[in-house]
Each structure stands twice: as structure tokens, then as C-alpha cells.
N, C-alpha and C. Protein backbone atom coordinates (compact mmCIF):
# COMPACT_ATOMS: atom_id res chain seq x y z
N MET A 1 -11.74 -14.88 -6.92
CA MET A 1 -11.90 -15.10 -8.34
C MET A 1 -12.26 -16.56 -8.55
N PRO A 2 -13.35 -16.87 -9.24
CA PRO A 2 -13.69 -18.25 -9.53
C PRO A 2 -12.57 -18.92 -10.31
N ALA A 3 -12.38 -20.20 -10.03
CA ALA A 3 -11.24 -20.93 -10.58
C ALA A 3 -11.17 -20.89 -12.10
N ASN A 4 -12.30 -20.87 -12.79
CA ASN A 4 -12.28 -20.96 -14.25
C ASN A 4 -12.56 -19.64 -14.95
N SER A 5 -12.53 -18.51 -14.25
CA SER A 5 -12.90 -17.25 -14.90
C SER A 5 -11.81 -16.74 -15.84
N LEU A 6 -10.53 -17.04 -15.57
CA LEU A 6 -9.43 -16.64 -16.44
C LEU A 6 -8.54 -17.86 -16.67
N PRO A 7 -7.87 -17.92 -17.82
CA PRO A 7 -6.93 -19.02 -18.00
C PRO A 7 -5.89 -18.99 -16.89
N GLN A 8 -5.62 -20.14 -16.31
CA GLN A 8 -4.68 -20.21 -15.20
C GLN A 8 -3.25 -20.32 -15.72
N ILE A 9 -2.46 -19.30 -15.44
CA ILE A 9 -1.07 -19.33 -15.85
C ILE A 9 -0.25 -19.97 -14.73
N THR A 10 0.93 -20.39 -15.05
CA THR A 10 1.79 -21.04 -14.06
C THR A 10 2.83 -20.06 -13.54
N GLN A 11 3.42 -20.41 -12.42
CA GLN A 11 4.49 -19.61 -11.87
C GLN A 11 5.67 -19.57 -12.86
N LYS A 12 5.94 -20.70 -13.51
CA LYS A 12 7.05 -20.76 -14.47
C LYS A 12 6.82 -19.77 -15.62
N TYR A 13 5.62 -19.75 -16.17
CA TYR A 13 5.32 -18.81 -17.25
C TYR A 13 5.44 -17.37 -16.75
N LEU A 14 4.89 -17.11 -15.59
CA LEU A 14 4.92 -15.76 -15.03
C LEU A 14 6.36 -15.28 -14.84
N LYS A 15 7.21 -16.14 -14.29
CA LYS A 15 8.61 -15.77 -14.06
C LYS A 15 9.39 -15.63 -15.36
N SER A 16 8.91 -16.26 -16.43
CA SER A 16 9.58 -16.12 -17.71
C SER A 16 9.29 -14.76 -18.34
N ARG A 17 8.18 -14.14 -17.96
CA ARG A 17 7.76 -12.86 -18.56
C ARG A 17 8.05 -11.65 -17.68
N LEU A 18 8.03 -11.85 -16.36
CA LEU A 18 8.10 -10.70 -15.44
C LEU A 18 9.10 -10.93 -14.31
N ASP A 19 9.71 -9.84 -13.85
CA ASP A 19 10.47 -9.82 -12.60
C ASP A 19 9.59 -9.18 -11.55
N TYR A 20 9.77 -9.57 -10.30
CA TYR A 20 8.98 -9.03 -9.19
C TYR A 20 9.95 -8.53 -8.13
N ARG A 21 9.91 -7.22 -7.86
CA ARG A 21 10.78 -6.60 -6.87
C ARG A 21 10.01 -5.55 -6.09
N ASP A 22 10.13 -5.59 -4.77
CA ASP A 22 9.52 -4.57 -3.91
C ASP A 22 8.03 -4.37 -4.18
N GLY A 23 7.33 -5.47 -4.50
CA GLY A 23 5.89 -5.40 -4.72
C GLY A 23 5.49 -4.91 -6.09
N ARG A 24 6.44 -4.80 -7.00
CA ARG A 24 6.17 -4.31 -8.35
C ARG A 24 6.68 -5.31 -9.38
N PHE A 25 6.00 -5.35 -10.52
CA PHE A 25 6.42 -6.22 -11.62
C PHE A 25 7.07 -5.39 -12.72
N TYR A 26 8.10 -5.99 -13.34
CA TYR A 26 8.82 -5.37 -14.45
C TYR A 26 8.93 -6.38 -15.58
N TRP A 27 8.77 -5.89 -16.82
CA TRP A 27 8.85 -6.77 -17.99
C TRP A 27 10.27 -7.26 -18.20
N LYS A 28 10.39 -8.54 -18.49
CA LYS A 28 11.67 -9.12 -18.88
C LYS A 28 11.82 -8.96 -20.39
N PRO A 29 13.06 -8.98 -20.90
CA PRO A 29 13.24 -8.89 -22.35
C PRO A 29 12.73 -10.17 -23.03
N MET A 30 12.22 -9.99 -24.24
CA MET A 30 11.78 -11.14 -25.04
C MET A 30 12.99 -11.74 -25.75
N SER A 31 12.91 -13.00 -26.01
CA SER A 31 13.95 -13.69 -26.77
C SER A 31 14.05 -13.07 -28.16
N GLU A 32 15.28 -12.91 -28.63
CA GLU A 32 15.51 -12.33 -29.96
C GLU A 32 14.89 -13.19 -31.06
N LEU A 33 14.56 -14.43 -30.75
CA LEU A 33 13.95 -15.32 -31.73
C LEU A 33 12.47 -15.03 -31.94
N MET A 34 11.88 -14.31 -31.01
CA MET A 34 10.46 -13.98 -31.11
C MET A 34 10.25 -12.86 -32.13
N ARG A 35 9.10 -12.93 -32.80
CA ARG A 35 8.74 -11.90 -33.76
C ARG A 35 8.57 -10.55 -33.04
N ASP A 36 9.07 -9.50 -33.59
CA ASP A 36 8.97 -8.14 -33.03
C ASP A 36 9.67 -7.98 -31.69
N ALA A 37 10.59 -8.89 -31.34
CA ALA A 37 11.27 -8.83 -30.05
C ALA A 37 12.09 -7.55 -29.89
N LYS A 38 12.78 -7.15 -30.94
CA LYS A 38 13.63 -5.96 -30.84
C LYS A 38 12.81 -4.73 -30.51
N ARG A 39 11.70 -4.57 -31.21
CA ARG A 39 10.81 -3.42 -30.96
C ARG A 39 10.21 -3.50 -29.57
N TRP A 40 9.74 -4.69 -29.21
CA TRP A 40 9.11 -4.87 -27.89
C TRP A 40 10.12 -4.58 -26.78
N ASN A 41 11.33 -5.13 -26.90
CA ASN A 41 12.35 -4.94 -25.87
C ASN A 41 12.74 -3.48 -25.71
N SER A 42 12.84 -2.76 -26.81
CA SER A 42 13.22 -1.34 -26.71
C SER A 42 12.11 -0.53 -26.04
N ARG A 43 10.89 -0.97 -26.17
CA ARG A 43 9.75 -0.24 -25.62
C ARG A 43 9.42 -0.64 -24.18
N TYR A 44 9.52 -1.96 -23.85
CA TYR A 44 8.99 -2.43 -22.57
C TYR A 44 10.00 -3.06 -21.61
N SER A 45 11.04 -3.68 -22.11
CA SER A 45 11.97 -4.42 -21.26
C SER A 45 12.50 -3.57 -20.10
N GLY A 46 12.37 -4.11 -18.88
CA GLY A 46 12.85 -3.40 -17.69
C GLY A 46 11.90 -2.36 -17.15
N LYS A 47 10.81 -2.09 -17.85
CA LYS A 47 9.84 -1.08 -17.39
C LYS A 47 8.76 -1.73 -16.54
N ARG A 48 8.13 -0.92 -15.73
CA ARG A 48 7.07 -1.42 -14.86
C ARG A 48 5.90 -1.94 -15.69
N ALA A 49 5.44 -3.11 -15.33
CA ALA A 49 4.32 -3.73 -16.05
C ALA A 49 3.00 -3.28 -15.44
N GLY A 50 1.98 -3.29 -16.26
CA GLY A 50 0.63 -3.07 -15.77
C GLY A 50 0.16 -1.64 -15.77
N TYR A 51 -1.04 -1.47 -15.24
CA TYR A 51 -1.69 -0.17 -15.20
C TYR A 51 -2.61 -0.11 -13.99
N LEU A 52 -2.90 1.08 -13.56
CA LEU A 52 -3.80 1.29 -12.43
C LEU A 52 -5.23 1.28 -12.95
N HIS A 53 -6.00 0.33 -12.49
CA HIS A 53 -7.40 0.19 -12.89
C HIS A 53 -8.25 1.21 -12.13
N SER A 54 -9.41 1.49 -12.63
CA SER A 54 -10.28 2.51 -12.02
C SER A 54 -10.64 2.16 -10.58
N GLY A 55 -10.64 0.90 -10.19
CA GLY A 55 -10.95 0.50 -8.81
C GLY A 55 -9.81 0.68 -7.84
N GLY A 56 -8.64 1.12 -8.35
CA GLY A 56 -7.49 1.36 -7.47
C GLY A 56 -6.49 0.23 -7.44
N TYR A 57 -6.84 -0.93 -8.02
CA TYR A 57 -5.93 -2.06 -8.07
C TYR A 57 -5.14 -2.01 -9.37
N ARG A 58 -3.89 -2.48 -9.33
CA ARG A 58 -3.08 -2.57 -10.54
C ARG A 58 -3.41 -3.87 -11.26
N HIS A 59 -3.42 -3.80 -12.60
CA HIS A 59 -3.67 -4.96 -13.45
C HIS A 59 -2.51 -5.11 -14.43
N ILE A 60 -2.28 -6.34 -14.84
CA ILE A 60 -1.27 -6.64 -15.86
C ILE A 60 -1.92 -7.50 -16.92
N LYS A 61 -1.72 -7.12 -18.17
CA LYS A 61 -2.24 -7.93 -19.29
C LYS A 61 -1.17 -8.89 -19.76
N LEU A 62 -1.55 -10.16 -19.85
CA LEU A 62 -0.67 -11.21 -20.34
C LEU A 62 -1.38 -11.95 -21.46
N THR A 63 -0.61 -12.40 -22.44
CA THR A 63 -1.19 -13.16 -23.54
C THR A 63 -1.09 -14.64 -23.22
N ILE A 64 -2.24 -15.28 -23.12
CA ILE A 64 -2.34 -16.70 -22.82
C ILE A 64 -3.12 -17.37 -23.95
N ASN A 65 -2.52 -18.37 -24.56
CA ASN A 65 -3.18 -19.09 -25.66
C ASN A 65 -3.66 -18.12 -26.75
N GLY A 66 -2.86 -17.11 -27.04
CA GLY A 66 -3.19 -16.17 -28.10
C GLY A 66 -4.17 -15.09 -27.72
N LYS A 67 -4.63 -15.08 -26.48
CA LYS A 67 -5.59 -14.07 -26.04
C LYS A 67 -5.00 -13.23 -24.91
N LYS A 68 -5.23 -11.92 -24.98
CA LYS A 68 -4.79 -11.04 -23.90
C LYS A 68 -5.80 -11.11 -22.77
N GLN A 69 -5.29 -11.33 -21.57
CA GLN A 69 -6.13 -11.37 -20.37
C GLN A 69 -5.57 -10.42 -19.34
N SER A 70 -6.43 -9.78 -18.59
CA SER A 70 -6.02 -8.86 -17.54
C SER A 70 -6.09 -9.58 -16.19
N TYR A 71 -4.99 -9.50 -15.44
CA TYR A 71 -4.90 -10.14 -14.13
C TYR A 71 -4.61 -9.07 -13.08
N LYS A 72 -5.19 -9.23 -11.91
CA LYS A 72 -4.89 -8.31 -10.81
C LYS A 72 -3.46 -8.59 -10.33
N GLU A 73 -2.71 -7.52 -10.19
CA GLU A 73 -1.30 -7.63 -9.84
C GLU A 73 -1.08 -8.33 -8.50
N HIS A 74 -1.95 -8.11 -7.53
CA HIS A 74 -1.74 -8.73 -6.23
C HIS A 74 -1.89 -10.25 -6.29
N ARG A 75 -2.77 -10.74 -7.17
CA ARG A 75 -2.92 -12.19 -7.33
C ARG A 75 -1.71 -12.77 -8.06
N LEU A 76 -1.16 -12.03 -9.01
CA LEU A 76 0.06 -12.47 -9.69
C LEU A 76 1.24 -12.50 -8.71
N ALA A 77 1.31 -11.52 -7.81
CA ALA A 77 2.39 -11.50 -6.81
C ALA A 77 2.33 -12.76 -5.95
N TRP A 78 1.13 -13.14 -5.57
CA TRP A 78 0.95 -14.35 -4.76
C TRP A 78 1.48 -15.57 -5.52
N LEU A 79 1.10 -15.69 -6.78
CA LEU A 79 1.55 -16.80 -7.61
C LEU A 79 3.06 -16.76 -7.80
N TRP A 80 3.62 -15.60 -8.09
CA TRP A 80 5.04 -15.45 -8.36
C TRP A 80 5.87 -15.89 -7.16
N VAL A 81 5.46 -15.48 -5.95
CA VAL A 81 6.24 -15.77 -4.74
C VAL A 81 5.96 -17.18 -4.21
N LEU A 82 4.68 -17.57 -4.12
CA LEU A 82 4.31 -18.81 -3.44
C LEU A 82 4.11 -20.01 -4.36
N GLY A 83 3.98 -19.75 -5.67
CA GLY A 83 3.88 -20.86 -6.61
C GLY A 83 2.50 -21.42 -6.84
N HIS A 84 1.50 -20.81 -6.23
CA HIS A 84 0.11 -21.25 -6.43
C HIS A 84 -0.81 -20.04 -6.34
N TRP A 85 -1.97 -20.18 -6.93
CA TRP A 85 -2.96 -19.11 -6.88
C TRP A 85 -3.55 -19.03 -5.48
N PRO A 86 -3.94 -17.84 -5.03
CA PRO A 86 -4.61 -17.74 -3.73
C PRO A 86 -5.95 -18.48 -3.79
N ALA A 87 -6.32 -19.09 -2.68
CA ALA A 87 -7.58 -19.84 -2.61
C ALA A 87 -8.78 -18.91 -2.49
N ASN A 88 -8.58 -17.73 -1.93
CA ASN A 88 -9.68 -16.81 -1.65
C ASN A 88 -9.38 -15.42 -2.20
N GLU A 89 -9.82 -14.42 -1.47
CA GLU A 89 -9.53 -13.04 -1.82
C GLU A 89 -8.16 -12.66 -1.27
N ILE A 90 -7.55 -11.66 -1.86
CA ILE A 90 -6.30 -11.13 -1.33
C ILE A 90 -6.63 -9.82 -0.60
N ASP A 91 -6.22 -9.77 0.67
CA ASP A 91 -6.41 -8.58 1.48
C ASP A 91 -5.09 -7.83 1.53
N HIS A 92 -5.14 -6.53 1.33
CA HIS A 92 -3.97 -5.67 1.49
C HIS A 92 -3.98 -5.19 2.94
N GLY A 93 -3.07 -5.69 3.75
CA GLY A 93 -3.06 -5.41 5.18
C GLY A 93 -3.10 -3.93 5.52
N ASN A 94 -2.33 -3.12 4.79
CA ASN A 94 -2.30 -1.69 5.09
C ASN A 94 -3.40 -0.90 4.37
N GLY A 95 -4.21 -1.61 3.57
CA GLY A 95 -5.33 -0.95 2.90
C GLY A 95 -4.97 -0.21 1.63
N VAL A 96 -3.70 -0.22 1.24
CA VAL A 96 -3.27 0.47 0.02
C VAL A 96 -3.40 -0.53 -1.13
N LYS A 97 -4.34 -0.27 -2.03
CA LYS A 97 -4.71 -1.24 -3.06
C LYS A 97 -3.61 -1.56 -4.06
N ASP A 98 -2.64 -0.69 -4.22
CA ASP A 98 -1.56 -0.98 -5.18
C ASP A 98 -0.23 -1.27 -4.48
N ASP A 99 -0.27 -1.55 -3.18
CA ASP A 99 0.92 -1.97 -2.43
C ASP A 99 0.94 -3.49 -2.45
N ASN A 100 1.63 -4.06 -3.42
CA ASN A 100 1.60 -5.50 -3.64
C ASN A 100 2.85 -6.22 -3.15
N ARG A 101 3.48 -5.67 -2.11
CA ARG A 101 4.58 -6.40 -1.47
C ARG A 101 3.97 -7.63 -0.79
N ILE A 102 4.63 -8.77 -0.91
CA ILE A 102 4.06 -10.02 -0.42
C ILE A 102 3.76 -9.94 1.08
N GLU A 103 4.56 -9.22 1.85
CA GLU A 103 4.31 -9.11 3.30
C GLU A 103 3.06 -8.29 3.61
N ASN A 104 2.53 -7.58 2.63
CA ASN A 104 1.30 -6.80 2.82
C ASN A 104 0.06 -7.58 2.38
N LEU A 105 0.24 -8.74 1.78
CA LEU A 105 -0.88 -9.50 1.22
C LEU A 105 -1.20 -10.71 2.09
N ARG A 106 -2.50 -11.02 2.19
CA ARG A 106 -2.93 -12.24 2.86
C ARG A 106 -4.13 -12.83 2.15
N ASP A 107 -4.14 -14.16 2.08
CA ASP A 107 -5.19 -14.93 1.42
C ASP A 107 -6.29 -15.19 2.46
N VAL A 108 -7.43 -14.51 2.30
CA VAL A 108 -8.50 -14.61 3.29
C VAL A 108 -9.86 -14.77 2.61
N ASP A 109 -10.83 -15.31 3.34
CA ASP A 109 -12.17 -15.38 2.78
C ASP A 109 -12.84 -14.01 2.88
N ARG A 110 -14.00 -13.87 2.28
CA ARG A 110 -14.69 -12.58 2.20
C ARG A 110 -14.99 -12.00 3.59
N ILE A 111 -15.42 -12.86 4.48
CA ILE A 111 -15.77 -12.39 5.83
C ILE A 111 -14.55 -11.80 6.53
N GLU A 112 -13.41 -12.49 6.43
CA GLU A 112 -12.17 -11.99 7.05
C GLU A 112 -11.70 -10.71 6.35
N ASN A 113 -11.85 -10.64 5.04
CA ASN A 113 -11.44 -9.45 4.30
C ASN A 113 -12.26 -8.23 4.72
N MET A 114 -13.51 -8.43 5.03
CA MET A 114 -14.36 -7.31 5.45
C MET A 114 -13.99 -6.80 6.84
N LYS A 115 -13.19 -7.56 7.58
CA LYS A 115 -12.71 -7.11 8.88
C LYS A 115 -11.53 -6.15 8.74
N ASN A 116 -11.20 -5.80 7.52
CA ASN A 116 -10.14 -4.84 7.25
C ASN A 116 -10.63 -3.82 6.21
N ALA A 117 -11.86 -3.39 6.36
CA ALA A 117 -12.46 -2.47 5.39
C ALA A 117 -12.27 -1.02 5.81
N ARG A 118 -12.26 -0.13 4.83
CA ARG A 118 -12.21 1.31 5.10
C ARG A 118 -13.56 1.77 5.66
N ILE A 119 -13.56 2.93 6.23
CA ILE A 119 -14.81 3.52 6.69
C ILE A 119 -15.59 3.97 5.45
N TYR A 120 -16.89 3.79 5.47
CA TYR A 120 -17.72 4.22 4.34
C TYR A 120 -17.71 5.73 4.23
N SER A 121 -17.76 6.23 3.02
CA SER A 121 -17.74 7.68 2.80
C SER A 121 -19.00 8.35 3.34
N SER A 122 -20.08 7.58 3.49
CA SER A 122 -21.33 8.15 4.00
C SER A 122 -21.37 8.20 5.53
N ASN A 123 -20.36 7.67 6.19
CA ASN A 123 -20.32 7.66 7.66
C ASN A 123 -20.23 9.08 8.19
N THR A 124 -21.06 9.41 9.18
CA THR A 124 -21.06 10.77 9.72
C THR A 124 -20.44 10.88 11.10
N SER A 125 -20.21 9.74 11.78
CA SER A 125 -19.64 9.79 13.13
C SER A 125 -18.12 9.77 13.11
N GLY A 126 -17.53 9.28 12.02
CA GLY A 126 -16.08 9.17 11.95
C GLY A 126 -15.56 7.82 12.42
N VAL A 127 -16.47 6.95 12.91
CA VAL A 127 -16.10 5.62 13.38
C VAL A 127 -17.08 4.61 12.81
N THR A 128 -16.54 3.56 12.18
CA THR A 128 -17.38 2.50 11.63
C THR A 128 -18.23 1.89 12.76
N GLY A 129 -19.52 1.72 12.49
CA GLY A 129 -20.42 1.07 13.45
C GLY A 129 -20.96 1.95 14.55
N VAL A 130 -20.66 3.22 14.48
CA VAL A 130 -21.16 4.17 15.48
C VAL A 130 -22.00 5.22 14.76
N LEU A 131 -23.24 5.42 15.24
CA LEU A 131 -24.11 6.40 14.61
C LEU A 131 -24.98 7.09 15.65
N ARG A 132 -25.43 8.27 15.30
CA ARG A 132 -26.28 9.04 16.21
C ARG A 132 -27.72 8.88 15.77
N HIS A 133 -28.56 8.47 16.71
CA HIS A 133 -29.99 8.30 16.43
C HIS A 133 -30.65 9.67 16.50
N LYS A 134 -31.35 10.04 15.43
CA LYS A 134 -31.90 11.39 15.33
C LYS A 134 -32.95 11.69 16.40
N ASP A 135 -33.84 10.73 16.67
CA ASP A 135 -34.94 10.99 17.62
C ASP A 135 -34.46 11.02 19.07
N SER A 136 -33.72 10.01 19.48
CA SER A 136 -33.31 9.92 20.89
C SER A 136 -32.07 10.74 21.20
N LYS A 137 -31.35 11.18 20.16
CA LYS A 137 -30.10 11.92 20.31
C LYS A 137 -29.02 11.10 21.01
N LYS A 138 -29.17 9.77 21.02
CA LYS A 138 -28.18 8.89 21.63
C LYS A 138 -27.28 8.31 20.54
N TRP A 139 -26.11 7.89 20.98
CA TRP A 139 -25.15 7.25 20.09
C TRP A 139 -25.37 5.74 20.17
N HIS A 140 -25.48 5.11 19.02
CA HIS A 140 -25.67 3.67 18.96
C HIS A 140 -24.41 3.03 18.38
N SER A 141 -24.10 1.85 18.90
CA SER A 141 -22.92 1.13 18.46
C SER A 141 -23.32 -0.27 18.02
N GLN A 142 -22.75 -0.72 16.90
CA GLN A 142 -23.07 -2.05 16.38
C GLN A 142 -21.86 -2.59 15.63
N ILE A 143 -21.90 -3.89 15.35
CA ILE A 143 -20.83 -4.54 14.59
C ILE A 143 -21.45 -5.69 13.80
N ARG A 144 -20.86 -6.00 12.65
CA ARG A 144 -21.34 -7.12 11.83
C ARG A 144 -20.28 -8.22 11.86
N VAL A 145 -20.69 -9.40 12.33
CA VAL A 145 -19.78 -10.55 12.46
C VAL A 145 -20.47 -11.77 11.86
N ASP A 146 -19.77 -12.47 10.98
CA ASP A 146 -20.31 -13.68 10.34
C ASP A 146 -21.70 -13.44 9.76
N LYS A 147 -21.85 -12.32 9.06
CA LYS A 147 -23.08 -11.93 8.36
C LYS A 147 -24.24 -11.61 9.31
N LYS A 148 -23.94 -11.37 10.58
CA LYS A 148 -24.97 -11.03 11.55
C LYS A 148 -24.64 -9.70 12.21
N ASN A 149 -25.66 -8.83 12.30
CA ASN A 149 -25.49 -7.56 13.00
C ASN A 149 -25.64 -7.80 14.50
N ILE A 150 -24.69 -7.25 15.25
CA ILE A 150 -24.73 -7.37 16.71
C ILE A 150 -24.86 -5.96 17.28
N TYR A 151 -25.94 -5.73 18.01
CA TYR A 151 -26.18 -4.43 18.62
C TYR A 151 -25.36 -4.35 19.91
N LEU A 152 -24.54 -3.32 20.05
CA LEU A 152 -23.64 -3.20 21.20
C LEU A 152 -24.15 -2.23 22.26
N GLY A 153 -25.19 -1.48 21.94
CA GLY A 153 -25.75 -0.61 22.94
C GLY A 153 -26.02 0.80 22.46
N SER A 154 -26.69 1.54 23.34
CA SER A 154 -27.05 2.92 23.09
C SER A 154 -26.42 3.75 24.21
N PHE A 155 -25.83 4.88 23.86
CA PHE A 155 -25.03 5.64 24.82
C PHE A 155 -25.34 7.12 24.73
N HIS A 156 -25.23 7.80 25.87
CA HIS A 156 -25.47 9.24 25.90
C HIS A 156 -24.32 10.01 25.27
N ASP A 157 -23.10 9.47 25.36
CA ASP A 157 -21.99 10.18 24.75
C ASP A 157 -21.27 9.30 23.72
N LYS A 158 -20.71 9.97 22.76
CA LYS A 158 -20.06 9.32 21.63
C LYS A 158 -18.88 8.46 22.08
N PHE A 159 -18.11 8.93 23.05
CA PHE A 159 -16.92 8.21 23.50
C PHE A 159 -17.25 6.79 23.95
N ASN A 160 -18.31 6.61 24.72
CA ASN A 160 -18.67 5.27 25.19
C ASN A 160 -19.13 4.37 24.04
N ALA A 161 -19.80 4.96 23.06
CA ALA A 161 -20.22 4.19 21.88
C ALA A 161 -19.00 3.72 21.10
N ILE A 162 -18.00 4.59 20.96
CA ILE A 162 -16.77 4.24 20.27
C ILE A 162 -16.03 3.15 21.04
N CYS A 163 -15.96 3.28 22.36
CA CYS A 163 -15.29 2.26 23.18
C CYS A 163 -15.95 0.89 23.03
N ALA A 164 -17.28 0.87 23.00
CA ALA A 164 -18.00 -0.40 22.82
C ALA A 164 -17.66 -1.01 21.47
N ARG A 165 -17.62 -0.19 20.44
CA ARG A 165 -17.30 -0.68 19.09
C ARG A 165 -15.86 -1.19 19.02
N LYS A 166 -14.91 -0.42 19.53
CA LYS A 166 -13.50 -0.83 19.47
C LYS A 166 -13.26 -2.09 20.28
N SER A 167 -13.92 -2.24 21.41
CA SER A 167 -13.79 -3.46 22.21
C SER A 167 -14.32 -4.67 21.44
N ALA A 168 -15.42 -4.47 20.75
CA ALA A 168 -16.00 -5.56 19.95
C ALA A 168 -15.08 -5.93 18.78
N GLU A 169 -14.42 -4.95 18.19
CA GLU A 169 -13.48 -5.24 17.10
C GLU A 169 -12.34 -6.12 17.60
N VAL A 170 -11.86 -5.86 18.80
CA VAL A 170 -10.81 -6.70 19.38
C VAL A 170 -11.36 -8.09 19.69
N ARG A 171 -12.52 -8.14 20.30
CA ARG A 171 -13.15 -9.43 20.68
C ARG A 171 -13.37 -10.33 19.47
N TYR A 172 -13.76 -9.74 18.32
CA TYR A 172 -14.08 -10.52 17.13
C TYR A 172 -12.92 -10.56 16.12
N ASN A 173 -11.72 -10.20 16.57
CA ASN A 173 -10.50 -10.31 15.77
C ASN A 173 -10.53 -9.52 14.46
N PHE A 174 -11.00 -8.29 14.52
CA PHE A 174 -10.94 -7.42 13.35
C PHE A 174 -9.50 -6.96 13.16
N HIS A 175 -9.14 -6.66 11.93
CA HIS A 175 -7.79 -6.19 11.62
C HIS A 175 -7.60 -4.82 12.29
N PRO A 176 -6.40 -4.54 12.80
CA PRO A 176 -6.17 -3.23 13.45
C PRO A 176 -6.45 -2.03 12.54
N ASN A 177 -6.36 -2.20 11.22
CA ASN A 177 -6.62 -1.09 10.29
C ASN A 177 -8.09 -0.93 9.94
N HIS A 178 -8.95 -1.79 10.44
CA HIS A 178 -10.37 -1.71 10.08
C HIS A 178 -10.94 -0.34 10.44
N GLY A 179 -11.70 0.23 9.51
CA GLY A 179 -12.35 1.52 9.76
C GLY A 179 -11.46 2.72 9.49
N ARG A 180 -10.31 2.48 8.86
CA ARG A 180 -9.41 3.59 8.56
C ARG A 180 -10.05 4.53 7.54
N ALA A 181 -9.56 5.74 7.49
CA ALA A 181 -10.09 6.72 6.54
C ALA A 181 -9.68 6.34 5.13
N ALA A 182 -10.48 6.77 4.18
CA ALA A 182 -10.21 6.45 2.76
C ALA A 182 -9.00 7.14 2.24
């Protein structure tokens, strides 16, 4: 997220509004001095904050400077626990987009985050980077590292193509969950 795309809230403000337990946020009660506090507290206090966005990530709306803004829950978890915003993208180690336990989150750049990607739905071999060439009927293996495609070879059987791909994933430090099913 670019630094200036949303108003930057502080850990202190976040902790004044929300509790964070087991990777989930819950609304804290509002001060009785606030307008509509009684109604708000009866409706929201102690309940899970946020909503599941269409992309699979949870979002929480917070009012900052009189404006409601939507924040990704995993970025708020990082701020709540560590006291600062993540510098890069947040990767969910186990691939579950709404599992926002801090031990499941890591601050990584885009290239590193792509080393923990799901298998594409259009994949026909069942293994990321392995495909069958229609004309030669051979299995081809490849991997993308630092924005460069690396050809790993052509094989008569699928097993050897998969072995070449898996070896390359280890060599280039891909996350163990890379290529998991959706």
C-alpha cells in the first residue's frame, strides 16, 4: 500500500478502538461521553469487527478525521502488534487470506510474496510451472525468479518435470506452501 493512500492511524488509536485476539479484531466499548455511545455499545461492543471483502481479505472501517476508511485487517494486525505499518506487502504464510494471526503474517516485497502463491485455476498439470507441450507431447518445467523465466528442461514423463520444478523451488527459496491448491 502506498504510504499516502489512506490516512495513517497510530497503534494508540487502533488499540483505543479495537481488541486483537487470536488473529481477530473486536470492537471496544465507546466512552459514555460520546454521542450515541449507548446505542453503539449495545450493537457493536465486544463483537467481531470488519467484514469479508470480495477478494477474500477481511476489512475494517475506521473513522479518521471525520471520514470512514476501509483498512485491510492483516495490515491493522501488524500495526496493533508491532507498533508500525508494514513496509511492504503482507503475506499469509498458510495462504488463508482471513487468517490474521501475527505468526501467520510476514512483511515481504512483491517478489517474495509471489513465492507463496496458489496454483492458477487454469493450470492443467496440477503443479505450478509444469506443462505439457501439445506438439512434442513432452512435459516442460519452468520457474520465474526475480522477474525472469528460467527454463528447467523438457521431460518424457511428468514426474521428472515435477522433480525439476520442486528442486528449483528449494534452490530459489520459495515458500513451502507455494503452488498449493485454491
